[in-house]
Amino acid sequence: NTQTVSIQEATEPEYRDEQGVGYNTLEDGSLTTVVA
C-alpha cells in the first residue's frame, strides 16, 4: 500500500523561437507550439 507517483520530467522542445515559444513536429510533418 505504499504509493509511488510517476513524475514526467520536462523536456526541451525541438525548436524554441526568440519569444520563448517552443515547437515540436507532428506526425504529418507540421509543427505544433508547446510550452512557452
PDB file of all heavy atoms in Angstrom:
ATOM      1  N   ASN A   1       0.799  -1.229   0.000  1.00  0.00           N
ATOM      2  CA  ASN A   1       0.000   0.000   0.000  1.00  0.00           C
ATOM      3  C   ASN A   1       0.831   1.278   0.000  1.00  0.00           C
ATOM      4  O   ASN A   1       0.322   2.364   0.233  1.00  0.00           O
ATOM      5  CB  ASN A   1      -0.976   0.044   1.189  1.00  0.00           C
ATOM      6  CG  ASN A   1      -2.030  -1.037   1.090  1.00  0.00           C
ATOM      7  OD1 ASN A   1      -2.470  -1.373  -0.008  1.00  0.00           O
ATOM      8  ND2 ASN A   1      -2.434  -1.591   2.223  1.00  0.00           N
ATOM      9  N   THR A   2       2.126   1.183  -0.232  1.00  0.00           N
ATOM     10  CA  THR A   2       2.956   2.371  -0.371  1.00  0.00           C
ATOM     11  C   THR A   2       2.770   2.920  -1.769  1.00  0.00           C
ATOM     12  O   THR A   2       2.974   2.209  -2.753  1.00  0.00           O
ATOM     13  CB  THR A   2       4.445   2.036  -0.140  1.00  0.00           C
ATOM     14  OG1 THR A   2       4.583   1.485   1.169  1.00  0.00           O
ATOM     15  CG2 THR A   2       5.303   3.283  -0.279  1.00  0.00           C
ATOM     16  N   GLN A   3       2.390   4.187  -1.885  1.00  0.00           N
ATOM     17  CA  GLN A   3       2.106   4.784  -3.183  1.00  0.00           C
ATOM     18  C   GLN A   3       3.338   5.478  -3.731  1.00  0.00           C
ATOM     19  O   GLN A   3       4.043   6.176  -3.015  1.00  0.00           O
ATOM     20  CB  GLN A   3       0.958   5.791  -3.079  1.00  0.00           C
ATOM     21  CG  GLN A   3      -0.364   5.153  -2.701  1.00  0.00           C
ATOM     22  CD  GLN A   3      -1.477   6.159  -2.699  1.00  0.00           C
ATOM     23  OE1 GLN A   3      -1.244   7.354  -2.777  1.00  0.00           O
ATOM     24  NE2 GLN A   3      -2.706   5.693  -2.619  1.00  0.00           N
ATOM     25  N   THR A   4       3.591   5.255  -5.006  1.00  0.00           N
ATOM     26  CA  THR A   4       4.672   5.963  -5.689  1.00  0.00           C
ATOM     27  C   THR A   4       4.063   6.726  -6.839  1.00  0.00           C
ATOM     28  O   THR A   4       3.212   6.218  -7.554  1.00  0.00           O
ATOM     29  CB  THR A   4       5.744   4.984  -6.210  1.00  0.00           C
ATOM     30  OG1 THR A   4       5.122   4.054  -7.085  1.00  0.00           O
ATOM     31  CG2 THR A   4       6.423   4.249  -5.068  1.00  0.00           C
ATOM     32  N   VAL A   5       4.489   7.965  -7.028  1.00  0.00           N
ATOM     33  CA  VAL A   5       3.944   8.815  -8.070  1.00  0.00           C
ATOM     34  C   VAL A   5       4.970   8.989  -9.178  1.00  0.00           C
ATOM     35  O   VAL A   5       6.134   9.308  -8.923  1.00  0.00           O
ATOM     36  CB  VAL A   5       3.562  10.204  -7.507  1.00  0.00           C
ATOM     37  CG1 VAL A   5       3.015  11.083  -8.613  1.00  0.00           C
ATOM     38  CG2 VAL A   5       2.538  10.046  -6.393  1.00  0.00           C
ATOM     39  N   SER A   6       4.531   8.739 -10.397  1.00  0.00           N
ATOM     40  CA  SER A   6       5.392   8.914 -11.553  1.00  0.00           C
ATOM     41  C   SER A   6       5.366  10.377 -11.985  1.00  0.00           C
ATOM     42  O   SER A   6       4.302  10.916 -12.282  1.00  0.00           O
ATOM     43  CB  SER A   6       4.918   8.023 -12.705  1.00  0.00           C
ATOM     44  OG  SER A   6       5.668   8.271 -13.873  1.00  0.00           O
ATOM     45  N   ILE A   7       6.505  11.039 -11.989  1.00  0.00           N
ATOM     46  CA  ILE A   7       6.605  12.443 -12.379  1.00  0.00           C
ATOM     47  C   ILE A   7       7.312  12.537 -13.724  1.00  0.00           C
ATOM     48  O   ILE A   7       8.441  12.078 -13.878  1.00  0.00           O
ATOM     49  CB  ILE A   7       7.374  13.262 -11.330  1.00  0.00           C
ATOM     50  CG1 ILE A   7       6.664  13.167  -9.969  1.00  0.00           C
ATOM     51  CG2 ILE A   7       7.510  14.719 -11.760  1.00  0.00           C
ATOM     52  CD1 ILE A   7       7.405  13.849  -8.846  1.00  0.00           C
ATOM     53  N   GLN A   8       6.615  13.125 -14.696  1.00  0.00           N
ATOM     54  CA  GLN A   8       7.185  13.255 -16.025  1.00  0.00           C
ATOM     55  C   GLN A   8       8.116  14.469 -16.073  1.00  0.00           C
ATOM     56  O   GLN A   8       7.731  15.576 -15.730  1.00  0.00           O
ATOM     57  CB  GLN A   8       6.074  13.439 -17.067  1.00  0.00           C
ATOM     58  CG  GLN A   8       6.600  13.472 -18.490  1.00  0.00           C
ATOM     59  CD  GLN A   8       5.468  13.537 -19.484  1.00  0.00           C
ATOM     60  OE1 GLN A   8       4.308  13.512 -19.115  1.00  0.00           O
ATOM     61  NE2 GLN A   8       5.820  13.600 -20.765  1.00  0.00           N
ATOM     62  N   GLU A   9       9.362  14.236 -16.432  1.00  0.00           N
ATOM     63  CA  GLU A   9      10.324  15.317 -16.493  1.00  0.00           C
ATOM     64  C   GLU A   9      10.057  16.195 -17.710  1.00  0.00           C
ATOM     65  O   GLU A   9       9.702  15.717 -18.779  1.00  0.00           O
ATOM     66  CB  GLU A   9      11.750  14.759 -16.573  1.00  0.00           C
ATOM     67  CG  GLU A   9      12.174  14.001 -15.316  1.00  0.00           C
ATOM     68  CD  GLU A   9      13.617  13.550 -15.403  1.00  0.00           C
ATOM     69  OE1 GLU A   9      14.267  13.890 -16.421  1.00  0.00           O
ATOM     70  OE2 GLU A   9      14.084  12.878 -14.477  1.00  0.00           O
ATOM     71  N   ALA A  10      10.246  17.498 -17.516  1.00  0.00           N
ATOM     72  CA  ALA A  10      10.060  18.434 -18.623  1.00  0.00           C
ATOM     73  C   ALA A  10      11.172  18.228 -19.648  1.00  0.00           C
ATOM     74  O   ALA A  10      12.331  18.029 -19.292  1.00  0.00           O
ATOM     75  CB  ALA A  10      10.087  19.857 -18.097  1.00  0.00           C
ATOM     76  N   THR A  11      10.823  18.244 -20.906  1.00  0.00           N
ATOM     77  CA  THR A  11      11.814  18.081 -21.964  1.00  0.00           C
ATOM     78  C   THR A  11      11.835  19.335 -22.833  1.00  0.00           C
ATOM     79  O   THR A  11      10.811  19.970 -23.053  1.00  0.00           O
ATOM     80  CB  THR A  11      11.488  16.866 -22.843  1.00  0.00           C
ATOM     81  OG1 THR A  11      10.157  17.005 -23.363  1.00  0.00           O
ATOM     82  CG2 THR A  11      11.571  15.585 -22.023  1.00  0.00           C
ATOM     83  N   GLU A  12      13.003  19.693 -23.298  1.00  0.00           N
ATOM     84  CA  GLU A  12      13.143  20.864 -24.157  1.00  0.00           C
ATOM     85  C   GLU A  12      12.551  20.553 -25.528  1.00  0.00           C
ATOM     86  O   GLU A  12      12.756  19.468 -26.076  1.00  0.00           O
ATOM     87  CB  GLU A  12      14.625  21.229 -24.297  1.00  0.00           C
ATOM     88  CG  GLU A  12      14.901  22.501 -25.077  1.00  0.00           C
ATOM     89  CD  GLU A  12      14.355  23.753 -24.406  1.00  0.00           C
ATOM     90  OE1 GLU A  12      14.007  23.706 -23.201  1.00  0.00           O
ATOM     91  OE2 GLU A  12      14.280  24.782 -25.102  1.00  0.00           O
ATOM     92  N   PRO A  13      11.763  21.480 -26.098  1.00  0.00           N
ATOM     93  CA  PRO A  13      11.172  21.241 -27.420  1.00  0.00           C
ATOM     94  C   PRO A  13      12.237  21.176 -28.513  1.00  0.00           C
ATOM     95  O   PRO A  13      13.400  21.570 -28.309  1.00  0.00           O
ATOM     96  CB  PRO A  13      10.257  22.456 -27.606  1.00  0.00           C
ATOM     97  CG  PRO A  13      10.828  23.511 -26.728  1.00  0.00           C
ATOM     98  CD  PRO A  13      11.389  22.794 -25.543  1.00  0.00           C
ATOM     99  N   GLU A  14      11.843  20.701 -29.675  1.00  0.00           N
ATOM    100  CA  GLU A  14      12.771  20.618 -30.799  1.00  0.00           C
ATOM    101  C   GLU A  14      13.295  21.995 -31.203  1.00  0.00           C
ATOM    102  O   GLU A  14      14.453  22.147 -31.573  1.00  0.00           O
ATOM    103  CB  GLU A  14      12.075  19.973 -32.006  1.00  0.00           C
ATOM    104  CG  GLU A  14      11.668  18.530 -31.801  1.00  0.00           C
ATOM    105  CD  GLU A  14      10.895  18.008 -33.003  1.00  0.00           C
ATOM    106  OE1 GLU A  14      11.375  18.165 -34.149  1.00  0.00           O
ATOM    107  OE2 GLU A  14       9.791  17.475 -32.805  1.00  0.00           O
ATOM    108  N   TYR A  15      12.398  22.972 -31.170  1.00  0.00           N
ATOM    109  CA  TYR A  15      12.759  24.333 -31.530  1.00  0.00           C
ATOM    110  C   TYR A  15      12.229  25.281 -30.452  1.00  0.00           C
ATOM    111  O   TYR A  15      11.270  24.974 -29.768  1.00  0.00           O
ATOM    112  CB  TYR A  15      12.128  24.755 -32.870  1.00  0.00           C
ATOM    113  CG  TYR A  15      12.325  23.784 -34.005  1.00  0.00           C
ATOM    114  CD1 TYR A  15      11.333  22.855 -34.330  1.00  0.00           C
ATOM    115  CD2 TYR A  15      13.478  23.822 -34.778  1.00  0.00           C
ATOM    116  CE1 TYR A  15      11.495  21.982 -35.388  1.00  0.00           C
ATOM    117  CE2 TYR A  15      13.650  22.939 -35.841  1.00  0.00           C
ATOM    118  CZ  TYR A  15      12.656  22.019 -36.140  1.00  0.00           C
ATOM    119  OH  TYR A  15      12.821  21.157 -37.185  1.00  0.00           O
ATOM    120  N   ARG A  16      12.864  26.439 -30.338  1.00  0.00           N
ATOM    121  CA  ARG A  16      12.320  27.493 -29.490  1.00  0.00           C
ATOM    122  C   ARG A  16      12.664  28.831 -30.139  1.00  0.00           C
ATOM    123  O   ARG A  16      13.825  29.108 -30.448  1.00  0.00           O
ATOM    124  CB  ARG A  16      12.884  27.434 -28.070  1.00  0.00           C
ATOM    125  CG  ARG A  16      12.125  28.366 -27.117  1.00  0.00           C
ATOM    126  CD  ARG A  16      12.648  28.287 -25.697  1.00  0.00           C
ATOM    127  NE  ARG A  16      12.318  27.045 -25.013  1.00  0.00           N
ATOM    128  CZ  ARG A  16      11.143  26.789 -24.450  1.00  0.00           C
ATOM    129  NH1 ARG A  16      10.166  27.681 -24.525  1.00  0.00           N
ATOM    130  NH2 ARG A  16      10.936  25.650 -23.811  1.00  0.00           N
ATOM    131  N   ASP A  17      11.644  29.657 -30.388  1.00  0.00           N
ATOM    132  CA  ASP A  17      11.886  30.917 -31.076  1.00  0.00           C
ATOM    133  C   ASP A  17      12.346  32.002 -30.109  1.00  0.00           C
ATOM    134  O   ASP A  17      12.484  31.778 -28.902  1.00  0.00           O
ATOM    135  CB  ASP A  17      10.655  31.351 -31.878  1.00  0.00           C
ATOM    136  CG  ASP A  17       9.445  31.706 -31.009  1.00  0.00           C
ATOM    137  OD1 ASP A  17       9.620  31.998 -29.815  1.00  0.00           O
ATOM    138  OD2 ASP A  17       8.311  31.698 -31.542  1.00  0.00           O
ATOM    139  N   GLU A  18      12.595  33.193 -30.669  1.00  0.00           N
ATOM    140  CA  GLU A  18      13.147  34.277 -29.867  1.00  0.00           C
ATOM    141  C   GLU A  18      12.184  34.780 -28.797  1.00  0.00           C
ATOM    142  O   GLU A  18      12.588  35.429 -27.828  1.00  0.00           O
ATOM    143  CB  GLU A  18      13.571  35.444 -30.774  1.00  0.00           C
ATOM    144  CG  GLU A  18      12.453  36.121 -31.548  1.00  0.00           C
ATOM    145  CD  GLU A  18      12.062  35.388 -32.820  1.00  0.00           C
ATOM    146  OE1 GLU A  18      12.642  34.300 -33.080  1.00  0.00           O
ATOM    147  OE2 GLU A  18      11.190  35.888 -33.547  1.00  0.00           O
ATOM    148  N   GLN A  19      10.884  34.468 -28.957  1.00  0.00           N
ATOM    149  CA  GLN A  19       9.906  34.858 -27.940  1.00  0.00           C
ATOM    150  C   GLN A  19       9.927  33.925 -26.734  1.00  0.00           C
ATOM    151  O   GLN A  19       9.446  34.282 -25.664  1.00  0.00           O
ATOM    152  CB  GLN A  19       8.475  34.807 -28.505  1.00  0.00           C
ATOM    153  CG  GLN A  19       8.201  35.672 -29.694  1.00  0.00           C
ATOM    154  CD  GLN A  19       6.778  35.428 -30.176  1.00  0.00           C
ATOM    155  OE1 GLN A  19       5.881  36.228 -29.917  1.00  0.00           O
ATOM    156  NE2 GLN A  19       6.570  34.326 -30.861  1.00  0.00           N
ATOM    157  N   GLY A  20      10.422  32.708 -26.966  1.00  0.00           N
ATOM    158  CA  GLY A  20      10.362  31.693 -25.926  1.00  0.00           C
ATOM    159  C   GLY A  20       9.292  30.656 -26.161  1.00  0.00           C
ATOM    160  O   GLY A  20       9.002  29.833 -25.285  1.00  0.00           O
ATOM    161  N   VAL A  21       8.690  30.682 -27.352  1.00  0.00           N
ATOM    162  CA  VAL A  21       7.679  29.678 -27.696  1.00  0.00           C
ATOM    163  C   VAL A  21       8.370  28.439 -28.265  1.00  0.00           C
ATOM    164  O   VAL A  21       9.208  28.540 -29.158  1.00  0.00           O
ATOM    165  CB  VAL A  21       6.669  30.227 -28.730  1.00  0.00           C
ATOM    166  CG1 VAL A  21       5.658  29.145 -29.113  1.00  0.00           C
ATOM    167  CG2 VAL A  21       5.957  31.448 -28.174  1.00  0.00           C
ATOM    168  N   GLY A  22       8.001  27.270 -27.754  1.00  0.00           N
ATOM    169  CA  GLY A  22       8.584  26.026 -28.239  1.00  0.00           C
ATOM    170  C   GLY A  22       7.747  25.393 -29.339  1.00  0.00           C
ATOM    171  O   GLY A  22       6.543  25.659 -29.452  1.00  0.00           O
ATOM    172  N   TYR A  23       8.386  24.548 -30.153  1.00  0.00           N
ATOM    173  CA  TYR A  23       7.708  23.859 -31.253  1.00  0.00           C
ATOM    174  C   TYR A  23       8.181  22.414 -31.313  1.00  0.00           C
ATOM    175  O   TYR A  23       9.372  22.125 -31.148  1.00  0.00           O
ATOM    176  CB  TYR A  23       8.029  24.512 -32.600  1.00  0.00           C
ATOM    177  CG  TYR A  23       7.622  25.957 -32.720  1.00  0.00           C
ATOM    178  CD1 TYR A  23       8.466  26.969 -32.283  1.00  0.00           C
ATOM    179  CD2 TYR A  23       6.391  26.324 -33.268  1.00  0.00           C
ATOM    180  CE1 TYR A  23       8.108  28.306 -32.388  1.00  0.00           C
ATOM    181  CE2 TYR A  23       6.019  27.652 -33.380  1.00  0.00           C
ATOM    182  CZ  TYR A  23       6.883  28.635 -32.936  1.00  0.00           C
ATOM    183  OH  TYR A  23       6.524  29.948 -33.037  1.00  0.00           O
ATOM    184  N   ASN A  24       7.243  21.512 -31.568  1.00  0.00           N
ATOM    185  CA  ASN A  24       7.558  20.120 -31.851  1.00  0.00           C
ATOM    186  C   ASN A  24       6.908  19.708 -33.168  1.00  0.00           C
ATOM    187  O   ASN A  24       5.918  20.311 -33.595  1.00  0.00           O
ATOM    188  CB  ASN A  24       7.057  19.194 -30.737  1.00  0.00           C
ATOM    189  CG  ASN A  24       7.946  19.226 -29.502  1.00  0.00           C
ATOM    190  OD1 ASN A  24       9.116  19.600 -29.570  1.00  0.00           O
ATOM    191  ND2 ASN A  24       7.392  18.862 -28.362  1.00  0.00           N
ATOM    192  N   THR A  25       7.447  18.669 -33.778  1.00  0.00           N
ATOM    193  CA  THR A  25       6.943  18.194 -35.064  1.00  0.00           C
ATOM    194  C   THR A  25       5.824  17.181 -34.864  1.00  0.00           C
ATOM    195  O   THR A  25       5.943  16.250 -34.059  1.00  0.00           O
ATOM    196  CB  THR A  25       8.072  17.544 -35.883  1.00  0.00           C
ATOM    197  OG1 THR A  25       9.147  18.479 -36.033  1.00  0.00           O
ATOM    198  CG2 THR A  25       7.587  17.140 -37.263  1.00  0.00           C
ATOM    199  N   LEU A  26       4.725  17.360 -35.612  1.00  0.00           N
ATOM    200  CA  LEU A  26       3.608  16.424 -35.588  1.00  0.00           C
ATOM    201  C   LEU A  26       3.841  15.312 -36.610  1.00  0.00           C
ATOM    202  O   LEU A  26       4.768  15.369 -37.415  1.00  0.00           O
ATOM    203  CB  LEU A  26       2.306  17.169 -35.906  1.00  0.00           C
ATOM    204  CG  LEU A  26       1.889  18.236 -34.887  1.00  0.00           C
ATOM    205  CD1 LEU A  26       0.709  19.042 -35.431  1.00  0.00           C
ATOM    206  CD2 LEU A  26       1.529  17.596 -33.551  1.00  0.00           C
ATOM    207  N   GLU A  27       2.968  14.301 -36.579  1.00  0.00           N
ATOM    208  CA  GLU A  27       3.130  13.150 -37.467  1.00  0.00           C
ATOM    209  C   GLU A  27       3.082  13.527 -38.936  1.00  0.00           C
ATOM    210  O   GLU A  27       3.725  12.887 -39.773  1.00  0.00           O
ATOM    211  CB  GLU A  27       2.057  12.098 -37.169  1.00  0.00           C
ATOM    212  CG  GLU A  27       2.242  11.391 -35.833  1.00  0.00           C
ATOM    213  CD  GLU A  27       1.210  10.307 -35.609  1.00  0.00           C
ATOM    214  OE1 GLU A  27       0.349  10.117 -36.502  1.00  0.00           O
ATOM    215  OE2 GLU A  27       1.268   9.650 -34.551  1.00  0.00           O
ATOM    216  N   ASP A  28       2.305  14.576 -39.269  1.00  0.00           N
ATOM    217  CA  ASP A  28       2.196  14.962 -40.676  1.00  0.00           C
ATOM    218  C   ASP A  28       3.330  15.885 -41.130  1.00  0.00           C
ATOM    219  O   ASP A  28       3.342  16.344 -42.260  1.00  0.00           O
ATOM    220  CB  ASP A  28       0.843  15.631 -40.946  1.00  0.00           C
ATOM    221  CG  ASP A  28       0.659  16.942 -40.179  1.00  0.00           C
ATOM    222  OD1 ASP A  28       1.595  17.352 -39.460  1.00  0.00           O
ATOM    223  OD2 ASP A  28      -0.411  17.551 -40.298  1.00  0.00           O
ATOM    224  N   GLY A  29       4.283  16.136 -40.237  1.00  0.00           N
ATOM    225  CA  GLY A  29       5.427  16.970 -40.590  1.00  0.00           C
ATOM    226  C   GLY A  29       5.260  18.436 -40.242  1.00  0.00           C
ATOM    227  O   GLY A  29       6.229  19.206 -40.300  1.00  0.00           O
ATOM    228  N   SER A  30       4.049  18.852 -39.897  1.00  0.00           N
ATOM    229  CA  SER A  30       3.825  20.238 -39.488  1.00  0.00           C
ATOM    230  C   SER A  30       4.222  20.407 -38.022  1.00  0.00           C
ATOM    231  O   SER A  30       4.530  19.435 -37.325  1.00  0.00           O
ATOM    232  CB  SER A  30       2.364  20.630 -39.692  1.00  0.00           C
ATOM    233  OG  SER A  30       1.528  19.914 -38.802  1.00  0.00           O
ATOM    234  N   LEU A  31       4.211  21.638 -37.559  1.00  0.00           N
ATOM    235  CA  LEU A  31       4.635  21.927 -36.192  1.00  0.00           C
ATOM    236  C   LEU A  31       3.447  22.293 -35.302  1.00  0.00           C
ATOM    237  O   LEU A  31       2.450  22.851 -35.759  1.00  0.00           O
ATOM    238  CB  LEU A  31       5.629  23.086 -36.165  1.00  0.00           C
ATOM    239  CG  LEU A  31       6.965  22.899 -36.894  1.00  0.00           C
ATOM    240  CD1 LEU A  31       7.814  24.152 -36.744  1.00  0.00           C
ATOM    241  CD2 LEU A  31       7.717  21.679 -36.373  1.00  0.00           C
ATOM    242  N   THR A  32       3.584  21.972 -34.036  1.00  0.00           N
ATOM    243  CA  THR A  32       2.678  22.454 -33.006  1.00  0.00           C
ATOM    244  C   THR A  32       3.482  23.245 -31.990  1.00  0.00           C
ATOM    245  O   THR A  32       4.625  22.883 -31.676  1.00  0.00           O
ATOM    246  CB  THR A  32       1.954  21.298 -32.290  1.00  0.00           C
ATOM    247  OG1 THR A  32       1.138  21.839 -31.247  1.00  0.00           O
ATOM    248  CG2 THR A  32       2.919  20.300 -31.691  1.00  0.00           C
ATOM    249  N   THR A  33       2.903  24.324 -31.495  1.00  0.00           N
ATOM    250  CA  THR A  33       3.559  25.006 -30.394  1.00  0.00           C
ATOM    251  C   THR A  33       3.438  24.135 -29.151  1.00  0.00           C
ATOM    252  O   THR A  33       2.492  23.371 -28.988  1.00  0.00           O
ATOM    253  CB  THR A  33       2.924  26.379 -30.103  1.00  0.00           C
ATOM    254  OG1 THR A  33       1.580  26.188 -29.636  1.00  0.00           O
ATOM    255  CG2 THR A  33       2.918  27.263 -31.341  1.00  0.00           C
ATOM    256  N   VAL A  34       4.443  24.254 -28.286  1.00  0.00           N
ATOM    257  CA  VAL A  34       4.379  23.566 -26.994  1.00  0.00           C
ATOM    258  C   VAL A  34       4.649  24.619 -25.924  1.00  0.00           C
ATOM    259  O   VAL A  34       4.457  25.800 -26.178  1.00  0.00           O
ATOM    260  CB  VAL A  34       5.364  22.378 -26.932  1.00  0.00           C
ATOM    261  CG1 VAL A  34       4.879  21.246 -27.825  1.00  0.00           C
ATOM    262  CG2 VAL A  34       6.772  22.774 -27.344  1.00  0.00           C
ATOM    263  N   VAL A  35       5.048  24.212 -24.769  1.00  0.00           N
ATOM    264  CA  VAL A  35       5.133  25.130 -23.646  1.00  0.00           C
ATOM    265  C   VAL A  35       5.960  26.382 -23.968  1.00  0.00           C
ATOM    266  O   VAL A  35       7.036  26.317 -24.525  1.00  0.00           O
ATOM    267  CB  VAL A  35       5.694  24.417 -22.395  1.00  0.00           C
ATOM    268  CG1 VAL A  35       7.124  23.956 -22.627  1.00  0.00           C
ATOM    269  CG2 VAL A  35       5.583  25.303 -21.172  1.00  0.00           C
ATOM    270  N   ALA A  36       5.378  27.524 -23.637  1.00  0.00           N
ATOM    271  CA  ALA A  36       6.046  28.808 -23.847  1.00  0.00           C
ATOM    272  C   ALA A  36       6.445  29.396 -22.499  1.00  0.00           C
ATOM    273  O   ALA A  36       5.910  29.022 -21.454  1.00  0.00           O
ATOM    274  CB  ALA A  36       5.105  29.776 -24.565  1.00  0.00           C
TER     275      ALA A  36
END
